[in-house]
Amino acid sequence: MSKDEGRTRRVRKLLSFNDAEWATVKRRMELAEATSFDAFARRVLLDGEVKVKTTAFDVSQLRVELSRIGNNVNQIARQVNTEDGITYEQMVATRTLLSQIQRLLERQGSREVES
């Protein structure tokens, strides 16, 4: 019979501390009135709060870029409305501006995910 056969918790993990870290753990165990490290660690890992650091992107930089692109799109729209038509070059320019907006938003979205 192997020594894991009678156990309900079969997954074991090895954990190492330096002296200062261990002193902190012992102090926290005392404050929590923990009787064993196993029980304390299990409780902290399963029920403890995990702090997640998120970094928000700078909205002002995105706002400036979107404002510039929006102004260009508005100028093209105004010309289309006053002249009842659009040239192929204007259509390509508008699509390029919209693609720039999409790339800016995707880049900002990927920064949020990495955070």
PDB file of N, CA and C in Angstrom:
ATOM      1  N   MET A   1       0.852  -1.187   0.000  1.00  0.00           N
ATOM      2  CA  MET A   1       0.000   0.000   0.000  1.00  0.00           C
ATOM      3  C   MET A   1       0.887   1.236   0.000  1.00  0.00           C
ATOM      4  N   SER A   2       0.702   2.128  -0.999  1.00  0.00           N
ATOM      5  CA  SER A   2       1.510   3.340  -1.036  1.00  0.00           C
ATOM      6  C   SER A   2       1.001   4.308   0.027  1.00  0.00           C
ATOM      7  N   LYS A   3       1.844   5.265   0.384  1.00  0.00           N
ATOM      8  CA  LYS A   3       1.460   6.166   1.477  1.00  0.00           C
ATOM      9  C   LYS A   3       0.376   7.158   1.077  1.00  0.00           C
ATOM     10  N   ASP A   4       0.076   7.328  -0.251  1.00  0.00           N
ATOM     11  CA  ASP A   4      -0.975   8.241  -0.701  1.00  0.00           C
ATOM     12  C   ASP A   4      -2.348   7.587  -0.808  1.00  0.00           C
ATOM     13  N   GLU A   5      -2.430   6.266  -0.716  1.00  0.00           N
ATOM     14  CA  GLU A   5      -3.692   5.572  -0.961  1.00  0.00           C
ATOM     15  C   GLU A   5      -4.791   5.926   0.032  1.00  0.00           C
ATOM     16  N   GLY A   6      -4.485   6.147   1.281  1.00  0.00           N
ATOM     17  CA  GLY A   6      -5.505   6.453   2.272  1.00  0.00           C
ATOM     18  C   GLY A   6      -5.808   7.937   2.387  1.00  0.00           C
ATOM     19  N   ARG A   7      -5.140   8.782   1.645  1.00  0.00           N
ATOM     20  CA  ARG A   7      -5.298  10.230   1.766  1.00  0.00           C
ATOM     21  C   ARG A   7      -6.469  10.749   0.928  1.00  0.00           C
ATOM     22  N   THR A   8      -7.119  11.779   1.456  1.00  0.00           N
ATOM     23  CA  THR A   8      -8.147  12.451   0.665  1.00  0.00           C
ATOM     24  C   THR A   8      -7.520  13.580  -0.151  1.00  0.00           C
ATOM     25  N   ARG A   9      -6.397  14.080   0.307  1.00  0.00           N
ATOM     26  CA  ARG A   9      -5.676  15.138  -0.406  1.00  0.00           C
ATOM     27  C   ARG A   9      -4.394  14.527  -0.971  1.00  0.00           C
ATOM     28  N   ARG A  10      -4.419  14.166  -2.216  1.00  0.00           N
ATOM     29  CA  ARG A  10      -3.288  13.455  -2.814  1.00  0.00           C
ATOM     30  C   ARG A  10      -2.289  14.366  -3.510  1.00  0.00           C
ATOM     31  N   VAL A  11      -2.661  15.600  -3.793  1.00  0.00           N
ATOM     32  CA  VAL A  11      -1.749  16.532  -4.456  1.00  0.00           C
ATOM     33  C   VAL A  11      -0.920  17.239  -3.391  1.00  0.00           C
ATOM     34  N   ARG A  12       0.390  17.099  -3.501  1.00  0.00           N
ATOM     35  CA  ARG A  12       1.287  17.733  -2.531  1.00  0.00           C
ATOM     36  C   ARG A  12       2.178  18.717  -3.262  1.00  0.00           C
ATOM     37  N   LYS A  13       2.463  19.855  -2.641  1.00  0.00           N
ATOM     38  CA  LYS A  13       3.325  20.875  -3.206  1.00  0.00           C
ATOM     39  C   LYS A  13       4.376  21.263  -2.185  1.00  0.00           C
ATOM     40  N   LEU A  14       5.590  21.452  -2.660  1.00  0.00           N
ATOM     41  CA  LEU A  14       6.699  21.860  -1.808  1.00  0.00           C
ATOM     42  C   LEU A  14       6.809  23.379  -1.869  1.00  0.00           C
ATOM     43  N   LEU A  15       7.008  23.994  -0.723  1.00  0.00           N
ATOM     44  CA  LEU A  15       7.072  25.439  -0.636  1.00  0.00           C
ATOM     45  C   LEU A  15       8.306  25.829   0.165  1.00  0.00           C
ATOM     46  N   SER A  16       9.056  26.822  -0.305  1.00  0.00           N
ATOM     47  CA  SER A  16      10.270  27.259   0.395  1.00  0.00           C
ATOM     48  C   SER A  16      10.169  28.739   0.753  1.00  0.00           C
ATOM     49  N   PHE A  17      10.766  29.109   1.900  1.00  0.00           N
ATOM     50  CA  PHE A  17      10.768  30.484   2.375  1.00  0.00           C
ATOM     51  C   PHE A  17      12.178  30.885   2.774  1.00  0.00           C
ATOM     52  N   ASN A  18      12.487  32.186   2.668  1.00  0.00           N
ATOM     53  CA  ASN A  18      13.713  32.663   3.319  1.00  0.00           C
ATOM     54  C   ASN A  18      13.351  32.997   4.766  1.00  0.00           C
ATOM     55  N   ASP A  19      14.320  33.372   5.573  1.00  0.00           N
ATOM     56  CA  ASP A  19      14.072  33.586   7.005  1.00  0.00           C
ATOM     57  C   ASP A  19      13.035  34.679   7.268  1.00  0.00           C
ATOM     58  N   ALA A  20      13.126  35.769   6.540  1.00  0.00           N
ATOM     59  CA  ALA A  20      12.188  36.877   6.753  1.00  0.00           C
ATOM     60  C   ALA A  20      10.765  36.475   6.355  1.00  0.00           C
ATOM     61  N   GLU A  21      10.633  35.765   5.240  1.00  0.00           N
ATOM     62  CA  GLU A  21       9.310  35.317   4.809  1.00  0.00           C
ATOM     63  C   GLU A  21       8.703  34.352   5.826  1.00  0.00           C
ATOM     64  N   TRP A  22       9.525  33.431   6.326  1.00  0.00           N
ATOM     65  CA  TRP A  22       9.014  32.461   7.294  1.00  0.00           C
ATOM     66  C   TRP A  22       8.580  33.150   8.589  1.00  0.00           C
ATOM     67  N   ALA A  23       9.333  34.168   9.007  1.00  0.00           N
ATOM     68  CA  ALA A  23       8.955  34.920  10.207  1.00  0.00           C
ATOM     69  C   ALA A  23       7.596  35.587  10.000  1.00  0.00           C
ATOM     70  N   THR A  24       7.365  36.116   8.812  1.00  0.00           N
ATOM     71  CA  THR A  24       6.074  36.737   8.499  1.00  0.00           C
ATOM     72  C   THR A  24       4.958  35.697   8.519  1.00  0.00           C
ATOM     73  N   VAL A  25       5.215  34.529   7.941  1.00  0.00           N
ATOM     74  CA  VAL A  25       4.209  33.462   7.926  1.00  0.00           C
ATOM     75  C   VAL A  25       3.876  33.031   9.349  1.00  0.00           C
ATOM     76  N   LYS A  26       4.904  32.832  10.169  1.00  0.00           N
ATOM     77  CA  LYS A  26       4.662  32.410  11.557  1.00  0.00           C
ATOM     78  C   LYS A  26       3.853  33.453  12.316  1.00  0.00           C
ATOM     79  N   ARG A  27       4.168  34.733  12.102  1.00  0.00           N
ATOM     80  CA  ARG A  27       3.426  35.806  12.775  1.00  0.00           C
ATOM     81  C   ARG A  27       1.959  35.784  12.337  1.00  0.00           C
ATOM     82  N   ARG A  28       1.717  35.602  11.055  1.00  0.00           N
ATOM     83  CA  ARG A  28       0.341  35.554  10.562  1.00  0.00           C
ATOM     84  C   ARG A  28      -0.390  34.320  11.061  1.00  0.00           C
ATOM     85  N   MET A  29       0.319  33.206  11.177  1.00  0.00           N
ATOM     86  CA  MET A  29      -0.300  31.994  11.719  1.00  0.00           C
ATOM     87  C   MET A  29      -0.723  32.221  13.160  1.00  0.00           C
ATOM     88  N   GLU A  30       0.124  32.889  13.934  1.00  0.00           N
ATOM     89  CA  GLU A  30      -0.210  33.179  15.329  1.00  0.00           C
ATOM     90  C   GLU A  30      -1.443  34.076  15.417  1.00  0.00           C
ATOM     91  N   LEU A  31      -1.476  35.121  14.580  1.00  0.00           N
ATOM     92  CA  LEU A  31      -2.616  36.039  14.593  1.00  0.00           C
ATOM     93  C   LEU A  31      -3.906  35.335  14.182  1.00  0.00           C
ATOM     94  N   ALA A  32      -3.789  34.356  13.293  1.00  0.00           N
ATOM     95  CA  ALA A  32      -4.963  33.608  12.837  1.00  0.00           C
ATOM     96  C   ALA A  32      -5.272  32.425  13.746  1.00  0.00           C
ATOM     97  N   GLU A  33      -4.451  32.246  14.780  1.00  0.00           N
ATOM     98  CA  GLU A  33      -4.592  31.125  15.713  1.00  0.00           C
ATOM     99  C   GLU A  33      -4.601  29.780  14.982  1.00  0.00           C
ATOM    100  N   ALA A  34      -3.707  29.671  13.982  1.00  0.00           N
ATOM    101  CA  ALA A  34      -3.596  28.432  13.217  1.00  0.00           C
ATOM    102  C   ALA A  34      -2.783  27.422  14.007  1.00  0.00           C
ATOM    103  N   THR A  35      -3.217  26.183  13.991  1.00  0.00           N
ATOM    104  CA  THR A  35      -2.507  25.139  14.736  1.00  0.00           C
ATOM    105  C   THR A  35      -1.492  24.399  13.881  1.00  0.00           C
ATOM    106  N   SER A  36      -1.662  24.430  12.552  1.00  0.00           N
ATOM    107  CA  SER A  36      -0.676  23.781  11.684  1.00  0.00           C
ATOM    108  C   SER A  36      -0.477  24.603  10.425  1.00  0.00           C
ATOM    109  N   PHE A  37       0.717  24.510   9.865  1.00  0.00           N
ATOM    110  CA  PHE A  37       1.007  25.240   8.643  1.00  0.00           C
ATOM    111  C   PHE A  37       0.126  24.735   7.500  1.00  0.00           C
ATOM    112  N   ASP A  38      -0.054  23.429   7.398  1.00  0.00           N
ATOM    113  CA  ASP A  38      -0.879  22.864   6.320  1.00  0.00           C
ATOM    114  C   ASP A  38      -2.275  23.463   6.316  1.00  0.00           C
ATOM    115  N   ALA A  39      -2.915  23.477   7.457  1.00  0.00           N
ATOM    116  CA  ALA A  39      -4.279  24.001   7.544  1.00  0.00           C
ATOM    117  C   ALA A  39      -4.301  25.504   7.239  1.00  0.00           C
ATOM    118  N   PHE A  40      -3.313  26.228   7.768  1.00  0.00           N
ATOM    119  CA  PHE A  40      -3.228  27.669   7.528  1.00  0.00           C
ATOM    120  C   PHE A  40      -3.020  27.957   6.040  1.00  0.00           C
ATOM    121  N   ALA A  41      -2.066  27.279   5.422  1.00  0.00           N
ATOM    122  CA  ALA A  41      -1.767  27.510   4.009  1.00  0.00           C
ATOM    123  C   ALA A  41      -2.968  27.154   3.137  1.00  0.00           C
ATOM    124  N   ARG A  42      -3.610  26.041   3.448  1.00  0.00           N
ATOM    125  CA  ARG A  42      -4.782  25.632   2.680  1.00  0.00           C
ATOM    126  C   ARG A  42      -5.882  26.685   2.780  1.00  0.00           C
ATOM    127  N   ARG A  43      -6.110  27.192   3.998  1.00  0.00           N
ATOM    128  CA  ARG A  43      -7.160  28.198   4.206  1.00  0.00           C
ATOM    129  C   ARG A  43      -6.829  29.494   3.464  1.00  0.00           C
ATOM    130  N   VAL A  44      -5.561  29.918   3.534  1.00  0.00           N
ATOM    131  CA  VAL A  44      -5.157  31.155   2.853  1.00  0.00           C
ATOM    132  C   VAL A  44      -5.258  30.995   1.342  1.00  0.00           C
ATOM    133  N   LEU A  45      -4.795  29.857   0.820  1.00  0.00           N
ATOM    134  CA  LEU A  45      -4.821  29.655  -0.623  1.00  0.00           C
ATOM    135  C   LEU A  45      -6.230  29.479  -1.169  1.00  0.00           C
ATOM    136  N   LEU A  46      -7.094  28.838  -0.429  1.00  0.00           N
ATOM    137  CA  LEU A  46      -8.450  28.599  -0.925  1.00  0.00           C
ATOM    138  C   LEU A  46      -9.408  29.744  -0.637  1.00  0.00           C
ATOM    139  N   ASP A  47      -9.238  30.414   0.503  1.00  0.00           N
ATOM    140  CA  ASP A  47     -10.196  31.439   0.905  1.00  0.00           C
ATOM    141  C   ASP A  47      -9.618  32.844   0.945  1.00  0.00           C
ATOM    142  N   GLY A  48      -8.302  32.954   0.818  1.00  0.00           N
ATOM    143  CA  GLY A  48      -7.653  34.253   0.975  1.00  0.00           C
ATOM    144  C   GLY A  48      -7.904  35.182  -0.192  1.00  0.00           C
ATOM    145  N   GLU A  49      -7.675  36.444   0.050  1.00  0.00           N
ATOM    146  CA  GLU A  49      -7.844  37.464  -0.975  1.00  0.00           C
ATOM    147  C   GLU A  49      -6.577  37.541  -1.809  1.00  0.00           C
ATOM    148  N   VAL A  50      -6.748  37.567  -3.111  1.00  0.00           N
ATOM    149  CA  VAL A  50      -5.623  37.705  -4.023  1.00  0.00           C
ATOM    150  C   VAL A  50      -5.707  39.094  -4.624  1.00  0.00           C
ATOM    151  N   LYS A  51      -4.657  39.872  -4.467  1.00  0.00           N
ATOM    152  CA  LYS A  51      -4.637  41.222  -5.016  1.00  0.00           C
ATOM    153  C   LYS A  51      -4.119  41.152  -6.448  1.00  0.00           C
ATOM    154  N   VAL A  52      -4.900  41.701  -7.368  1.00  0.00           N
ATOM    155  CA  VAL A  52      -4.536  41.708  -8.775  1.00  0.00           C
ATOM    156  C   VAL A  52      -4.280  43.145  -9.181  1.00  0.00           C
ATOM    157  N   LYS A  53      -3.116  43.379  -9.728  1.00  0.00           N
ATOM    158  CA  LYS A  53      -2.763  44.726 -10.149  1.00  0.00           C
ATOM    159  C   LYS A  53      -3.199  44.924 -11.591  1.00  0.00           C
ATOM    160  N   THR A  54      -4.013  45.930 -11.825  1.00  0.00           N
ATOM    161  CA  THR A  54      -4.421  46.262 -13.183  1.00  0.00           C
ATOM    162  C   THR A  54      -3.922  47.656 -13.511  1.00  0.00           C
ATOM    163  N   THR A  55      -3.572  47.829 -14.736  1.00  0.00           N
ATOM    164  CA  THR A  55      -3.086  49.125 -15.181  1.00  0.00           C
ATOM    165  C   THR A  55      -4.035  49.647 -16.242  1.00  0.00           C
ATOM    166  N   ALA A  56      -4.665  50.751 -15.954  1.00  0.00           N
ATOM    167  CA  ALA A  56      -5.577  51.343 -16.924  1.00  0.00           C
ATOM    168  C   ALA A  56      -4.768  52.118 -17.958  1.00  0.00           C
ATOM    169  N   PHE A  57      -5.233  52.088 -19.186  1.00  0.00           N
ATOM    170  CA  PHE A  57      -4.527  52.833 -20.221  1.00  0.00           C
ATOM    171  C   PHE A  57      -4.884  54.303 -20.121  1.00  0.00           C
ATOM    172  N   ASP A  58      -4.034  55.135 -20.716  1.00  0.00           N
ATOM    173  CA  ASP A  58      -4.223  56.581 -20.679  1.00  0.00           C
ATOM    174  C   ASP A  58      -5.280  56.976 -21.707  1.00  0.00           C
ATOM    175  N   VAL A  59      -6.457  57.320 -21.231  1.00  0.00           N
ATOM    176  CA  VAL A  59      -7.573  57.655 -22.097  1.00  0.00           C
ATOM    177  C   VAL A  59      -7.295  58.939 -22.871  1.00  0.00           C
ATOM    178  N   SER A  60      -6.550  59.861 -22.294  1.00  0.00           N
ATOM    179  CA  SER A  60      -6.327  61.150 -22.962  1.00  0.00           C
ATOM    180  C   SER A  60      -5.580  60.966 -24.277  1.00  0.00           C
ATOM    181  N   GLN A  61      -4.619  60.065 -24.309  1.00  0.00           N
ATOM    182  CA  GLN A  61      -3.870  59.814 -25.533  1.00  0.00           C
ATOM    183  C   GLN A  61      -4.792  59.233 -26.613  1.00  0.00           C
ATOM    184  N   LEU A  62      -5.639  58.296 -26.239  1.00  0.00           N
ATOM    185  CA  LEU A  62      -6.590  57.712 -27.173  1.00  0.00           C
ATOM    186  C   LEU A  62      -7.593  58.760 -27.640  1.00  0.00           C
ATOM    187  N   ARG A  63      -8.034  59.602 -26.725  1.00  0.00           N
ATOM    188  CA  ARG A  63      -9.000  60.645 -27.064  1.00  0.00           C
ATOM    189  C   ARG A  63      -8.443  61.605 -28.116  1.00  0.00           C
ATOM    190  N   VAL A  64      -7.164  61.972 -28.004  1.00  0.00           N
ATOM    191  CA  VAL A  64      -6.531  62.879 -28.964  1.00  0.00           C
ATOM    192  C   VAL A  64      -6.502  62.245 -30.351  1.00  0.00           C
ATOM    193  N   GLU A  65      -6.092  60.976 -30.417  1.00  0.00           N
ATOM    194  CA  GLU A  65      -6.024  60.276 -31.701  1.00  0.00           C
ATOM    195  C   GLU A  65      -7.411  60.138 -32.329  1.00  0.00           C
ATOM    196  N   LEU A  66      -8.386  59.728 -31.518  1.00  0.00           N
ATOM    197  CA  LEU A  66      -9.741  59.563 -32.037  1.00  0.00           C
ATOM    198  C   LEU A  66     -10.339  60.908 -32.487  1.00  0.00           C
ATOM    199  N   SER A  67     -10.009  61.969 -31.782  1.00  0.00           N
ATOM    200  CA  SER A  67     -10.499  63.289 -32.155  1.00  0.00           C
ATOM    201  C   SER A  67      -9.936  63.707 -33.516  1.00  0.00           C
ATOM    202  N   ARG A  68      -8.651  63.477 -33.723  1.00  0.00           N
ATOM    203  CA  ARG A  68      -8.009  63.824 -34.993  1.00  0.00           C
ATOM    204  C   ARG A  68      -8.654  63.040 -36.138  1.00  0.00           C
ATOM    205  N   ILE A  69      -8.807  61.738 -35.927  1.00  0.00           N
ATOM    206  CA  ILE A  69      -9.395  60.885 -36.963  1.00  0.00           C
ATOM    207  C   ILE A  69     -10.853  61.259 -37.189  1.00  0.00           C
ATOM    208  N   GLY A  70     -11.584  61.532 -36.114  1.00  0.00           N
ATOM    209  CA  GLY A  70     -12.992  61.928 -36.233  1.00  0.00           C
ATOM    210  C   GLY A  70     -13.163  63.222 -37.012  1.00  0.00           C
ATOM    211  N   ASN A  71     -12.261  64.165 -36.804  1.00  0.00           N
ATOM    212  CA  ASN A  71     -12.322  65.415 -37.561  1.00  0.00           C
ATOM    213  C   ASN A  71     -12.158  65.158 -39.057  1.00  0.00           C
ATOM    214  N   ASN A  72     -11.239  64.289 -39.404  1.00  0.00           N
ATOM    215  CA  ASN A  72     -11.037  63.963 -40.817  1.00  0.00           C
ATOM    216  C   ASN A  72     -12.277  63.297 -41.411  1.00  0.00           C
ATOM    217  N   VAL A  73     -12.874  62.369 -40.666  1.00  0.00           N
ATOM    218  CA  VAL A  73     -14.086  61.694 -41.146  1.00  0.00           C
ATOM    219  C   VAL A  73     -15.212  62.717 -41.307  1.00  0.00           C
ATOM    220  N   ASN A  74     -15.344  63.647 -40.379  1.00  0.00           N
ATOM    221  CA  ASN A  74     -16.381  64.684 -40.478  1.00  0.00           C
ATOM    222  C   ASN A  74     -16.187  65.571 -41.702  1.00  0.00           C
ATOM    223  N   GLN A  75     -14.945  65.916 -42.009  1.00  0.00           N
ATOM    224  CA  GLN A  75     -14.673  66.738 -43.191  1.00  0.00           C
ATOM    225  C   GLN A  75     -15.084  66.011 -44.464  1.00  0.00           C
ATOM    226  N   ILE A  76     -14.780  64.707 -44.505  1.00  0.00           N
ATOM    227  CA  ILE A  76     -15.163  63.917 -45.678  1.00  0.00           C
ATOM    228  C   ILE A  76     -16.683  63.820 -45.764  1.00  0.00           C
ATOM    229  N   ALA A  77     -17.353  63.591 -44.632  1.00  0.00           N
ATOM    230  CA  ALA A  77     -18.820  63.488 -44.619  1.00  0.00           C
ATOM    231  C   ALA A  77     -19.457  64.800 -45.047  1.00  0.00           C
ATOM    232  N   ARG A  78     -18.911  65.924 -44.590  1.00  0.00           N
ATOM    233  CA  ARG A  78     -19.454  67.227 -44.960  1.00  0.00           C
ATOM    234  C   ARG A  78     -19.331  67.441 -46.475  1.00  0.00           C
ATOM    235  N   GLN A  79     -18.191  67.055 -47.027  1.00  0.00           N
ATOM    236  CA  GLN A  79     -17.980  67.214 -48.468  1.00  0.00           C
ATOM    237  C   GLN A  79     -18.953  66.335 -49.261  1.00  0.00           C
ATOM    238  N   VAL A  80     -19.163  65.109 -48.766  1.00  0.00           N
ATOM    239  CA  VAL A  80     -20.103  64.203 -49.445  1.00  0.00           C
ATOM    240  C   VAL A  80     -21.504  64.795 -49.418  1.00  0.00           C
ATOM    241  N   ASN A  81     -21.915  65.354 -48.293  1.00  0.00           N
ATOM    242  CA  ASN A  81     -23.264  65.905 -48.165  1.00  0.00           C
ATOM    243  C   ASN A  81     -23.469  67.170 -48.999  1.00  0.00           C
ATOM    244  N   THR A  82     -22.434  67.953 -49.167  1.00  0.00           N
ATOM    245  CA  THR A  82     -22.582  69.203 -49.930  1.00  0.00           C
ATOM    246  C   THR A  82     -22.416  68.988 -51.425  1.00  0.00           C
ATOM    247  N   GLU A  83     -21.675  67.979 -51.823  1.00  0.00           N
ATOM    248  CA  GLU A  83     -21.420  67.755 -53.245  1.00  0.00           C
ATOM    249  C   GLU A  83     -22.189  66.561 -53.795  1.00  0.00           C
ATOM    250  N   ASP A  84     -23.011  65.917 -52.976  1.00  0.00           N
ATOM    251  CA  ASP A  84     -23.815  64.771 -53.410  1.00  0.00           C
ATOM    252  C   ASP A  84     -22.988  63.670 -54.057  1.00  0.00           C
ATOM    253  N   GLY A  85     -21.866  63.359 -53.486  1.00  0.00           N
ATOM    254  CA  GLY A  85     -21.069  62.265 -54.034  1.00  0.00           C
ATOM    255  C   GLY A  85     -19.739  62.137 -53.313  1.00  0.00           C
ATOM    256  N   ILE A  86     -19.058  61.085 -53.622  1.00  0.00           N
ATOM    257  CA  ILE A  86     -17.763  60.831 -53.010  1.00  0.00           C
ATOM    258  C   ILE A  86     -16.849  60.227 -54.067  1.00  0.00           C
ATOM    259  N   THR A  87     -15.614  60.616 -54.042  1.00  0.00           N
ATOM    260  CA  THR A  87     -14.654  60.055 -54.982  1.00  0.00           C
ATOM    261  C   THR A  87     -14.084  58.766 -54.413  1.00  0.00           C
ATOM    262  N   TYR A  88     -13.483  58.008 -55.267  1.00  0.00           N
ATOM    263  CA  TYR A  88     -12.847  56.758 -54.834  1.00  0.00           C
ATOM    264  C   TYR A  88     -11.759  57.053 -53.797  1.00  0.00           C
ATOM    265  N   GLU A  89     -10.987  58.113 -54.014  1.00  0.00           N
ATOM    266  CA  GLU A  89      -9.911  58.484 -53.090  1.00  0.00           C
ATOM    267  C   GLU A  89     -10.471  58.834 -51.707  1.00  0.00           C
ATOM    268  N   GLN A  90     -11.606  59.522 -51.676  1.00  0.00           N
ATOM    269  CA  GLN A  90     -12.232  59.875 -50.404  1.00  0.00           C
ATOM    270  C   GLN A  90     -12.722  58.620 -49.675  1.00  0.00           C
ATOM    271  N   MET A  91     -13.274  57.685 -50.448  1.00  0.00           N
ATOM    272  CA  MET A  91     -13.734  56.447 -49.836  1.00  0.00           C
ATOM    273  C   MET A  91     -12.554  55.673 -49.244  1.00  0.00           C
ATOM    274  N   VAL A  92     -11.447  55.601 -49.978  1.00  0.00           N
ATOM    275  CA  VAL A  92     -10.246  54.909 -49.481  1.00  0.00           C
ATOM    276  C   VAL A  92      -9.714  55.616 -48.237  1.00  0.00           C
ATOM    277  N   ALA A  93      -9.708  56.945 -48.255  1.00  0.00           N
ATOM    278  CA  ALA A  93      -9.220  57.712 -47.100  1.00  0.00           C
ATOM    279  C   ALA A  93     -10.091  57.447 -45.874  1.00  0.00           C
ATOM    280  N   THR A  94     -11.402  57.386 -46.071  1.00  0.00           N
ATOM    281  CA  THR A  94     -12.322  57.118 -44.958  1.00  0.00           C
ATOM    282  C   THR A  94     -12.100  55.728 -44.395  1.00  0.00           C
ATOM    283  N   ARG A  95     -11.953  54.751 -45.272  1.00  0.00           N
ATOM    284  CA  ARG A  95     -11.691  53.382 -44.804  1.00  0.00           C
ATOM    285  C   ARG A  95     -10.362  53.308 -44.049  1.00  0.00           C
ATOM    286  N   THR A  96      -9.369  54.047 -44.520  1.00  0.00           N
ATOM    287  CA  THR A  96      -8.065  54.067 -43.834  1.00  0.00           C
ATOM    288  C   THR A  96      -8.209  54.653 -42.437  1.00  0.00           C
ATOM    289  N   LEU A  97      -8.957  55.739 -42.315  1.00  0.00           N
ATOM    290  CA  LEU A  97      -9.170  56.359 -41.003  1.00  0.00           C
ATOM    291  C   LEU A  97      -9.915  55.411 -40.060  1.00  0.00           C
ATOM    292  N   LEU A  98     -10.923  54.732 -40.573  1.00  0.00           N
ATOM    293  CA  LEU A  98     -11.663  53.787 -39.738  1.00  0.00           C
ATOM    294  C   LEU A  98     -10.783  52.610 -39.320  1.00  0.00           C
ATOM    295  N   SER A  99      -9.892  52.189 -40.198  1.00  0.00           N
ATOM    296  CA  SER A  99      -8.943  51.124 -39.844  1.00  0.00           C
ATOM    297  C   SER A  99      -7.998  51.589 -38.742  1.00  0.00           C
ATOM    298  N   GLN A 100      -7.593  52.864 -38.806  1.00  0.00           N
ATOM    299  CA  GLN A 100      -6.737  53.410 -37.746  1.00  0.00           C
ATOM    300  C   GLN A 100      -7.454  53.380 -36.407  1.00  0.00           C
ATOM    301  N   ILE A 101      -8.729  53.728 -36.415  1.00  0.00           N
ATOM    302  CA  ILE A 101      -9.516  53.687 -35.173  1.00  0.00           C
ATOM    303  C   ILE A 101      -9.562  52.256 -34.633  1.00  0.00           C
ATOM    304  N   GLN A 102      -9.825  51.309 -35.513  1.00  0.00           N
ATOM    305  CA  GLN A 102      -9.898  49.911 -35.081  1.00  0.00           C
ATOM    306  C   GLN A 102      -8.563  49.451 -34.498  1.00  0.00           C
ATOM    307  N   ARG A 103      -7.450  49.798 -35.131  1.00  0.00           N
ATOM    308  CA  ARG A 103      -6.131  49.402 -34.613  1.00  0.00           C
ATOM    309  C   ARG A 103      -5.848  50.033 -33.256  1.00  0.00           C
ATOM    310  N   LEU A 104      -6.206  51.309 -33.095  1.00  0.00           N
ATOM    311  CA  LEU A 104      -6.012  51.976 -31.801  1.00  0.00           C
ATOM    312  C   LEU A 104      -6.789  51.268 -30.700  1.00  0.00           C
ATOM    313  N   LEU A 105      -8.039  50.945 -30.989  1.00  0.00           N
ATOM    314  CA  LEU A 105      -8.870  50.282 -29.982  1.00  0.00           C
ATOM    315  C   LEU A 105      -8.363  48.876 -29.686  1.00  0.00           C
ATOM    316  N   GLU A 106      -7.928  48.141 -30.697  1.00  0.00           N
ATOM    317  CA  GLU A 106      -7.384  46.801 -30.474  1.00  0.00           C
ATOM    318  C   GLU A 106      -6.105  46.865 -29.653  1.00  0.00           C
ATOM    319  N   ARG A 107      -5.246  47.844 -29.949  1.00  0.00           N
ATOM    320  CA  ARG A 107      -4.001  47.991 -29.198  1.00  0.00           C
ATOM    321  C   ARG A 107      -4.285  48.300 -27.732  1.00  0.00           C
ATOM    322  N   GLN A 108      -5.242  49.177 -27.478  1.00  0.00           N
ATOM    323  CA  GLN A 108      -5.595  49.510 -26.104  1.00  0.00           C
ATOM    324  C   GLN A 108      -6.223  48.300 -25.413  1.00  0.00           C
ATOM    325  N   GLY A 109      -7.040  47.544 -26.146  1.00  0.00           N
ATOM    326  CA  GLY A 109      -7.660  46.352 -25.582  1.00  0.00           C
ATOM    327  C   GLY A 109      -6.623  45.305 -25.216  1.00  0.00           C
ATOM    328  N   SER A 110      -5.597  45.133 -26.042  1.00  0.00           N
ATOM    329  CA  SER A 110      -4.566  44.142 -25.715  1.00  0.00           C
ATOM    330  C   SER A 110      -3.737  44.591 -24.525  1.00  0.00           C
ATOM    331  N   ARG A 111      -3.574  45.883 -24.336  1.00  0.00           N
ATOM    332  CA  ARG A 111      -2.855  46.374 -23.150  1.00  0.00           C
ATOM    333  C   ARG A 111      -3.621  46.058 -21.888  1.00  0.00           C
ATOM    334  N   GLU A 112      -4.955  46.175 -21.967  1.00  0.00           N
ATOM    335  CA  GLU A 112      -5.791  45.870 -20.814  1.00  0.00           C
ATOM    336  C   GLU A 112      -5.687  44.392 -20.443  1.00  0.00           C
ATOM    337  N   VAL A 113      -5.649  43.531 -21.454  1.00  0.00           N
ATOM    338  CA  VAL A 113      -5.585  42.093 -21.199  1.00  0.00           C
ATOM    339  C   VAL A 113      -4.262  41.728 -20.584  1.00  0.00           C
ATOM    340  N   GLU A 114      -3.156  42.345 -21.037  1.00  0.00           N
ATOM    341  CA  GLU A 114      -1.825  42.035 -20.507  1.00  0.00           C
ATOM    342  C   GLU A 114      -1.695  42.455 -19.060  1.00  0.00           C
ATOM    343  N   SER A 115      -2.432  43.479 -18.653  1.00  0.00           N
ATOM    344  CA  SER A 115      -2.301  43.978 -17.306  1.00  0.00           C
ATOM    345  C   SER A 115      -2.739  43.011 -16.289  1.00  0.00           C
TER     346      SER A 115
END
